[in-house]
Protein backbone atom coordinates (compact mmCIF):
# COMPACT_ATOMS: atom_id res chain seq x y z
CA MET A 1 2.21 99.58 -41.65
CA PRO A 2 0.52 102.95 -41.86
CA MET A 3 -0.76 102.36 -45.29
CA ALA A 4 -2.00 98.74 -44.80
CA LEU A 5 -3.94 100.08 -41.67
CA THR A 6 -5.46 103.01 -44.14
CA PHE A 7 -6.79 99.98 -46.51
CA VAL A 8 -8.40 97.77 -43.76
CA MET A 9 -9.78 101.22 -42.62
CA LEU A 10 -11.10 102.45 -45.62
CA ILE A 11 -12.44 98.76 -46.79
CA PHE A 12 -13.83 97.74 -43.23
CA ALA A 13 -14.77 100.61 -41.83
CA GLU A 14 -15.90 102.90 -44.62
CA VAL A 15 -16.82 101.48 -48.05
CA THR A 16 -18.14 97.81 -46.92
CA PRO A 17 -20.35 99.63 -44.23
CA LYS A 18 -21.75 102.23 -46.67
CA SER A 19 -22.36 99.90 -49.24
CA VAL A 20 -24.14 97.30 -46.97
CA ALA A 21 -26.36 100.56 -45.52
CA ALA A 22 -27.30 101.86 -49.30
CA VAL A 23 -28.84 98.12 -49.82
CA PHE A 24 -30.45 97.50 -46.56
CA PRO A 25 -31.33 101.21 -44.97
CA GLU A 26 -33.70 100.53 -43.01
CA LYS A 27 -32.31 97.45 -41.40
CA ILE A 28 -29.09 99.31 -40.55
CA ALA A 29 -30.83 102.69 -39.68
CA PHE A 30 -32.60 101.55 -36.84
CA PRO A 31 -30.44 99.26 -35.03
CA ALA A 32 -27.74 101.89 -35.45
CA SER A 33 -29.52 104.57 -33.84
CA PHE A 34 -29.52 103.44 -30.91
CA ILE A 35 -25.86 103.85 -30.48
CA LEU A 36 -25.60 106.85 -32.37
CA ARG A 37 -28.07 108.88 -30.35
CA PRO A 38 -25.94 108.44 -26.95
CA LEU A 39 -22.73 109.28 -29.07
CA LEU A 40 -24.69 112.48 -30.30
CA LEU A 41 -25.37 113.81 -26.69
CA THR A 42 -22.10 112.98 -25.38
CA PHE A 43 -19.98 114.61 -28.07
CA TYR A 44 -22.27 117.30 -29.01
CA PRO A 45 -19.54 119.81 -26.95
CA VAL A 46 -16.81 118.71 -29.26
CA VAL A 47 -19.01 119.37 -32.28
CA TRP A 48 -20.47 122.36 -31.38
CA LEU A 49 -16.64 123.61 -30.76
CA VAL A 50 -15.36 122.43 -34.02
CA ASN A 51 -18.31 124.09 -36.04
CA PHE A 52 -17.70 127.12 -34.03
CA LEU A 53 -14.15 127.20 -35.08
CA SER A 54 -14.85 126.04 -38.60
CA ASN A 55 -17.53 128.70 -38.70
CA SER A 56 -15.33 131.50 -37.49
CA LEU A 57 -12.37 130.62 -39.66
CA ALA A 58 -14.80 130.86 -42.50
CA LYS A 59 -15.77 134.45 -41.41
CA VAL A 60 -12.34 135.60 -41.77
CA PHE A 61 -12.54 134.76 -45.61
CA GLY A 62 -16.05 136.50 -45.81
CA LEU A 63 -18.08 133.54 -45.64
CA ASP A 64 -21.32 133.91 -43.19
CA ILE A 65 -22.01 130.13 -43.32
CA VAL A 66 -24.37 130.31 -40.36
CA ASN A 67 -26.74 132.52 -42.28
CA SER A 68 -26.42 131.15 -45.38
CA LYS A 69 -29.36 129.39 -46.84
CA LEU A 70 -28.07 125.97 -47.52
CA THR A 71 -30.43 123.61 -48.58
CA ASP A 72 -30.23 119.95 -49.98
CA ASN A 73 -33.46 120.66 -52.48
CA LEU A 74 -33.17 119.06 -55.78
CA ARG A 75 -33.41 121.41 -58.41
CA PRO A 76 -36.07 120.60 -61.70
CA GLU A 77 -33.09 119.28 -63.50
CA GLU A 78 -32.33 116.90 -60.96
CA LEU A 79 -35.46 115.80 -60.25
CA ARG A 80 -36.32 114.97 -64.15
CA THR A 81 -33.10 112.94 -63.72
CA VAL A 82 -34.51 110.92 -60.69
CA VAL A 83 -37.51 110.29 -62.73
CA ASP A 84 -35.73 109.42 -65.88
CA GLU A 85 -33.70 106.88 -63.80
CA ALA A 86 -36.34 105.60 -61.68
CA CYS A 87 -37.89 104.07 -64.87
CA ASP A 88 -38.11 100.38 -63.39
CA SER A 89 -40.17 101.39 -60.15
CA ILE A 90 -42.58 104.03 -61.59
CA PRO A 91 -44.92 103.09 -64.34
CA LYS A 92 -44.41 104.41 -67.69
CA HIS A 93 -47.39 106.80 -67.82
CA ARG A 94 -47.01 107.53 -64.21
CA GLN A 95 -43.50 108.94 -65.73
CA GLY A 96 -44.83 110.69 -68.46
CA ILE A 97 -47.07 112.71 -65.72
CA LEU A 98 -44.32 113.62 -63.37
CA LEU A 99 -42.34 115.04 -66.27
CA ASN A 100 -45.16 117.10 -67.95
CA VAL A 101 -45.41 118.30 -64.09
CA LEU A 102 -42.01 119.71 -64.15
CA ASP A 103 -42.45 120.66 -67.72
CA LEU A 104 -45.40 122.74 -66.89
CA GLU A 105 -43.68 125.95 -65.70
CA LYS A 106 -41.99 126.44 -69.13
CA ALA A 107 -45.59 126.75 -70.86
CA THR A 108 -47.95 129.46 -70.73
CA VAL A 109 -51.85 129.81 -71.54
CA GLU A 110 -50.90 130.89 -75.23
CA ASP A 111 -49.51 127.41 -75.61
CA ILE A 112 -52.41 125.28 -74.98
CA LEU A 113 -55.58 127.80 -76.01
CA VAL A 114 -57.89 127.27 -78.99
CA PRO A 115 -56.81 129.83 -81.71
CA ARG A 116 -59.59 132.18 -82.18
CA ASN A 117 -60.19 131.15 -85.87
CA GLU A 118 -60.95 127.54 -84.44
CA VAL A 119 -63.28 128.62 -81.89
CA GLU A 120 -67.06 127.83 -82.21
CA GLY A 121 -69.43 130.34 -80.52
CA ILE A 122 -73.01 131.95 -80.96
CA ASP A 123 -73.71 135.39 -82.50
CA LEU A 124 -76.77 137.00 -81.15
CA GLU A 125 -76.66 138.90 -84.43
CA ASP A 126 -78.12 135.39 -86.22
CA ASN A 127 -81.50 134.64 -86.35
CA ILE A 128 -82.68 132.10 -83.94
CA ASP A 129 -82.91 129.27 -86.60
CA THR A 130 -79.34 129.90 -87.34
CA ILE A 131 -78.42 129.86 -83.98
CA MET A 132 -80.36 126.86 -82.84
CA SER A 133 -78.47 124.89 -85.60
CA ASN A 134 -75.13 125.88 -84.46
CA ILE A 135 -75.82 125.06 -80.80
CA SER A 136 -77.41 121.42 -82.00
CA ALA A 137 -74.08 121.22 -83.80
CA ALA A 138 -71.68 122.39 -81.38
CA LYS A 139 -68.58 119.74 -80.48
CA TYR A 140 -68.35 121.23 -76.90
CA THR A 141 -70.53 121.85 -73.90
CA ARG A 142 -69.69 125.70 -73.36
CA LEU A 143 -69.74 128.11 -76.40
CA PRO A 144 -68.72 131.83 -76.20
CA VAL A 145 -71.43 134.28 -77.12
CA TYR A 146 -70.72 137.44 -78.97
CA GLU A 147 -72.41 140.27 -81.02
CA GLY A 148 -71.27 140.44 -84.40
CA ASP A 149 -67.62 139.89 -83.56
CA LEU A 150 -65.56 137.74 -81.19
CA ASN A 151 -63.89 140.83 -79.39
CA LYS A 152 -67.50 141.69 -78.51
CA ILE A 153 -67.95 138.87 -76.27
CA VAL A 154 -70.97 138.96 -73.75
CA GLY A 155 -70.88 135.67 -72.15
CA ILE A 156 -70.24 131.77 -71.81
CA LEU A 157 -73.42 129.65 -72.78
CA HIS A 158 -73.58 126.13 -71.04
CA LEU A 159 -75.82 123.56 -73.27
CA ARG A 160 -77.42 122.19 -70.09
CA SER A 161 -78.96 125.85 -69.85
CA VAL A 162 -80.46 125.80 -73.53
CA ALA A 163 -81.85 122.38 -72.68
CA LYS A 164 -84.34 124.41 -69.90
CA PHE A 165 -86.08 126.04 -72.74
CA ALA A 166 -85.25 124.65 -76.04
CA CYS A 167 -87.49 121.46 -75.39
CA GLY A 168 -90.51 123.68 -74.69
CA ASN A 169 -92.44 126.25 -76.87
CA LYS A 170 -90.31 127.35 -79.86
CA SER A 171 -91.70 130.64 -79.16
CA ASP A 172 -90.26 131.03 -75.76
CA ILE A 173 -86.50 130.77 -77.66
CA THR A 174 -85.30 134.27 -78.28
CA HIS A 175 -82.51 136.32 -77.69
CA ASP A 176 -83.15 137.91 -74.82
CA ALA A 177 -83.71 134.20 -73.43
CA ILE A 178 -80.47 133.27 -74.61
CA ARG A 179 -78.75 136.37 -72.97
CA ALA A 180 -80.51 135.07 -69.64
CA GLN A 181 -78.77 131.75 -69.34
CA LEU A 182 -74.95 133.04 -70.32
CA SER A 183 -72.40 133.26 -67.44
CA ASP A 184 -69.99 136.22 -67.03
CA PRO A 185 -66.85 135.54 -69.49
CA TYR A 186 -63.66 134.89 -67.61
CA PHE A 187 -60.66 136.79 -69.33
CA ILE A 188 -57.41 136.21 -68.72
CA PRO A 189 -53.57 136.89 -70.44
CA GLU A 190 -52.11 134.71 -73.06
CA SER A 191 -48.63 135.21 -70.93
CA THR A 192 -50.18 133.37 -67.84
CA PRO A 193 -47.82 130.53 -66.83
CA LEU A 194 -49.84 127.29 -66.64
CA PRO A 195 -49.37 126.48 -62.99
CA THR A 196 -50.62 129.78 -62.13
CA GLN A 197 -53.47 129.57 -64.34
CA LEU A 198 -54.43 126.16 -62.44
CA ILE A 199 -54.53 127.86 -59.16
CA ASN A 200 -56.87 130.75 -60.72
CA PHE A 201 -59.00 128.24 -62.40
CA GLN A 202 -59.57 126.36 -59.01
CA GLN A 203 -59.84 130.03 -57.05
CA GLU A 204 -62.40 131.04 -59.37
CA LYS A 205 -64.42 128.11 -59.98
CA GLN A 206 -64.36 128.21 -63.88
CA ARG A 207 -63.86 125.69 -66.39
CA THR A 208 -63.43 128.04 -69.39
CA ALA A 209 -61.28 131.32 -70.12
CA VAL A 210 -61.34 133.96 -72.80
CA VAL A 211 -57.63 134.32 -73.84
CA VAL A 212 -56.67 138.05 -74.50
CA ASP A 213 -53.33 139.94 -75.52
CA GLU A 214 -51.55 142.56 -74.36
CA TYR A 215 -54.11 144.72 -76.30
CA GLY A 216 -57.26 143.29 -75.05
CA ASP A 217 -57.86 141.77 -78.47
CA ILE A 218 -59.37 138.11 -77.83
CA GLN A 219 -57.03 135.24 -79.05
CA GLY A 220 -58.88 132.23 -78.51
CA LEU A 221 -60.36 130.20 -75.48
CA ALA A 222 -58.70 127.82 -72.64
CA THR A 223 -60.48 125.36 -70.64
CA LEU A 224 -59.59 123.67 -67.89
CA VAL A 225 -59.46 120.58 -69.50
CA ASP A 226 -56.84 121.78 -71.98
CA LEU A 227 -54.71 122.57 -69.15
CA LEU A 228 -54.97 119.16 -67.60
CA GLU A 229 -54.48 117.14 -70.84
CA GLU A 230 -50.76 118.93 -70.77
CA ILE A 231 -50.17 117.03 -67.56
CA VAL A 232 -51.88 113.62 -67.96
CA GLY A 233 -52.37 113.37 -71.96
CA ASP A 234 -55.50 113.63 -74.18
CA PHE A 235 -58.95 112.33 -72.18
CA VAL A 236 -60.79 111.52 -75.35
CA ASN A 237 -59.51 109.97 -78.77
CA ASP A 238 -61.22 112.42 -80.74
CA THR A 239 -58.57 114.94 -80.18
CA SER A 240 -55.80 112.08 -80.91
CA GLU A 241 -57.98 111.17 -84.22
CA GLN A 242 -57.81 114.79 -85.11
CA GLN A 243 -53.78 114.71 -84.55
CA ALA A 244 -53.55 111.81 -86.81
CA GLN A 245 -55.02 113.68 -89.85
CA ASP A 246 -53.02 116.58 -88.95
CA ILE A 247 -50.01 114.50 -89.12
CA VAL A 248 -49.43 112.15 -91.75
CA ALA A 249 -46.72 109.90 -92.12
CA TYR A 250 -45.03 110.41 -95.67
CA LYS A 251 -41.66 108.29 -95.32
CA GLU A 252 -39.06 107.32 -92.43
CA ASN A 253 -38.67 110.54 -90.65
CA CYS A 254 -40.61 112.69 -92.78
CA TYR A 255 -44.39 113.85 -92.22
CA ILE A 256 -47.08 116.10 -93.99
CA ILE A 257 -48.32 118.24 -91.17
CA ASP A 258 -51.07 120.68 -90.85
CA ALA A 259 -49.63 124.09 -90.49
CA SER A 260 -52.16 124.84 -87.90
CA VAL A 261 -50.83 122.20 -85.50
CA SER A 262 -48.86 123.75 -82.65
CA VAL A 263 -45.25 122.70 -82.08
CA ARG A 264 -45.75 121.17 -78.60
CA ASP A 265 -48.24 118.87 -80.42
CA ILE A 266 -45.78 117.71 -83.11
CA ASN A 267 -42.92 117.59 -80.62
CA ARG A 268 -44.92 115.61 -78.34
CA ASN A 269 -46.37 112.94 -81.05
CA LEU A 270 -43.30 112.59 -82.85
CA GLY A 271 -40.60 112.92 -80.41
CA TRP A 272 -39.26 115.75 -82.49
CA GLU A 273 -37.21 119.02 -80.72
CA LEU A 274 -38.90 122.08 -82.50
CA PRO A 275 -38.37 125.20 -81.01
CA THR A 276 -40.79 125.92 -78.64
CA ASP A 277 -39.56 129.69 -77.53
CA GLY A 278 -40.88 131.59 -80.91
CA PRO A 279 -43.85 130.79 -82.75
CA LYS A 280 -46.38 128.33 -81.23
CA THR A 281 -47.82 127.03 -84.57
CA LEU A 282 -45.65 125.41 -87.67
CA ASN A 283 -47.02 128.11 -89.80
CA GLY A 284 -45.83 130.75 -87.30
CA ILE A 285 -42.18 128.94 -87.81
CA ILE A 286 -42.38 129.13 -91.41
CA VAL A 287 -43.45 132.59 -91.80
CA GLU A 288 -40.95 133.77 -89.26
CA PHE A 289 -37.98 131.85 -90.68
CA LEU A 290 -39.25 133.41 -94.28
CA GLU A 291 -40.30 136.66 -93.05
CA ARG A 292 -43.22 136.80 -95.23
CA ILE A 293 -46.01 134.49 -96.51
CA PRO A 294 -44.79 132.66 -99.84
CA ASP A 295 -46.73 132.64 -102.83
CA ALA A 296 -45.04 129.52 -104.45
CA THR A 297 -43.71 126.39 -102.94
CA VAL A 298 -40.23 127.05 -101.01
CA SER A 299 -37.98 124.50 -99.11
CA PHE A 300 -35.43 125.59 -96.24
CA ARG A 301 -33.62 123.96 -93.24
CA LEU A 302 -33.62 125.10 -89.74
CA ASP A 303 -31.56 123.18 -87.52
CA ASN A 304 -31.93 119.49 -88.22
CA TYR A 305 -35.11 119.75 -90.04
CA THR A 306 -36.42 120.40 -93.53
CA PHE A 307 -39.19 122.24 -94.58
CA GLU A 308 -41.33 122.43 -97.67
CA ILE A 309 -44.56 124.25 -98.31
CA LYS A 310 -47.13 122.08 -99.89
CA GLU A 311 -50.19 123.97 -99.81
CA ILE A 312 -50.84 127.92 -99.45
CA GLY A 313 -54.03 129.23 -98.52
CA GLU A 314 -54.73 132.84 -98.76
CA ASN A 315 -53.28 134.55 -95.81
CA ARG A 316 -51.23 131.51 -94.23
CA ILE A 317 -49.83 128.17 -95.10
CA ASP A 318 -51.82 124.91 -95.02
CA LYS A 319 -49.94 122.13 -95.23
CA ALA A 320 -45.90 121.29 -95.42
CA LEU A 321 -43.70 118.30 -95.50
CA VAL A 322 -41.22 118.47 -92.66
CA MET A 323 -38.28 115.99 -92.66
CA ARG A 324 -35.91 115.35 -89.52
CA ILE A 325 -32.29 114.82 -90.82
CA PRO A 326 -30.68 111.99 -88.77
CA THR A 327 -27.52 113.06 -86.67
CA ASP A 328 -24.50 110.97 -85.91
């Protein structure tokens, strides 16, 4: 008889009500609150007494439950699981944005910067004709201006400012006139986490930053657009087309990749899991593994990936054939 009563209570007073309430939470919760609230007030002394005895017993074993910071907040890993499992209720694009936001804590400015060797800028030591030619061919609206070397940067030139005097008398276009249109450079360390830098961009009212290392040498440029693209994806097709040229399919699970491409871009485009806690580019991964710049074709395996060097430049690797080895 007791076992039968336990079975009836478990089914009709425990499992079934909870299952129904999980399916219709609002329909069950609102009417039930009219009954539960009076019961809560009525039995409050009993609940307080039980909690007091329980907490006192816990203190005997050295546990201070009252002052401990108990929380039901979800950890980032748990939030990721929730987003992954909500694929039916959240559009795929928005789901990707939410996952990128969670991954933003793992990235730094170094992961999104335009490297020094790819920076387009204006050298004030060039003649005016060369400077104007570089400005007219520029693909960006903000260009760093320096004197002889990028480490001697003096400001950022907005092409909108150039239009103020470029359409007038050519004799008005001088080095001093260009200097007058410059805004002060905004320097940031390469190790700044991306969430922090996003807030810094907002507080400083800046869109372009000059990235420096621990010695103060300029490593490249980082823009607000580059940071936002880490969250929402590429804004324009030019980047996608460039990546298509840098990552060319060779055969199944095998690609010829420009060694200057960042590891994060490779993982994002191919769904791979190359290590991102070390070098930031494919060239860096290969050089770190070989511990030298090879002077001939070399092949090696790293985890579930094989690398074969295809083209070598003067001081770097240009292209490599990378294949992912299927795993059981």
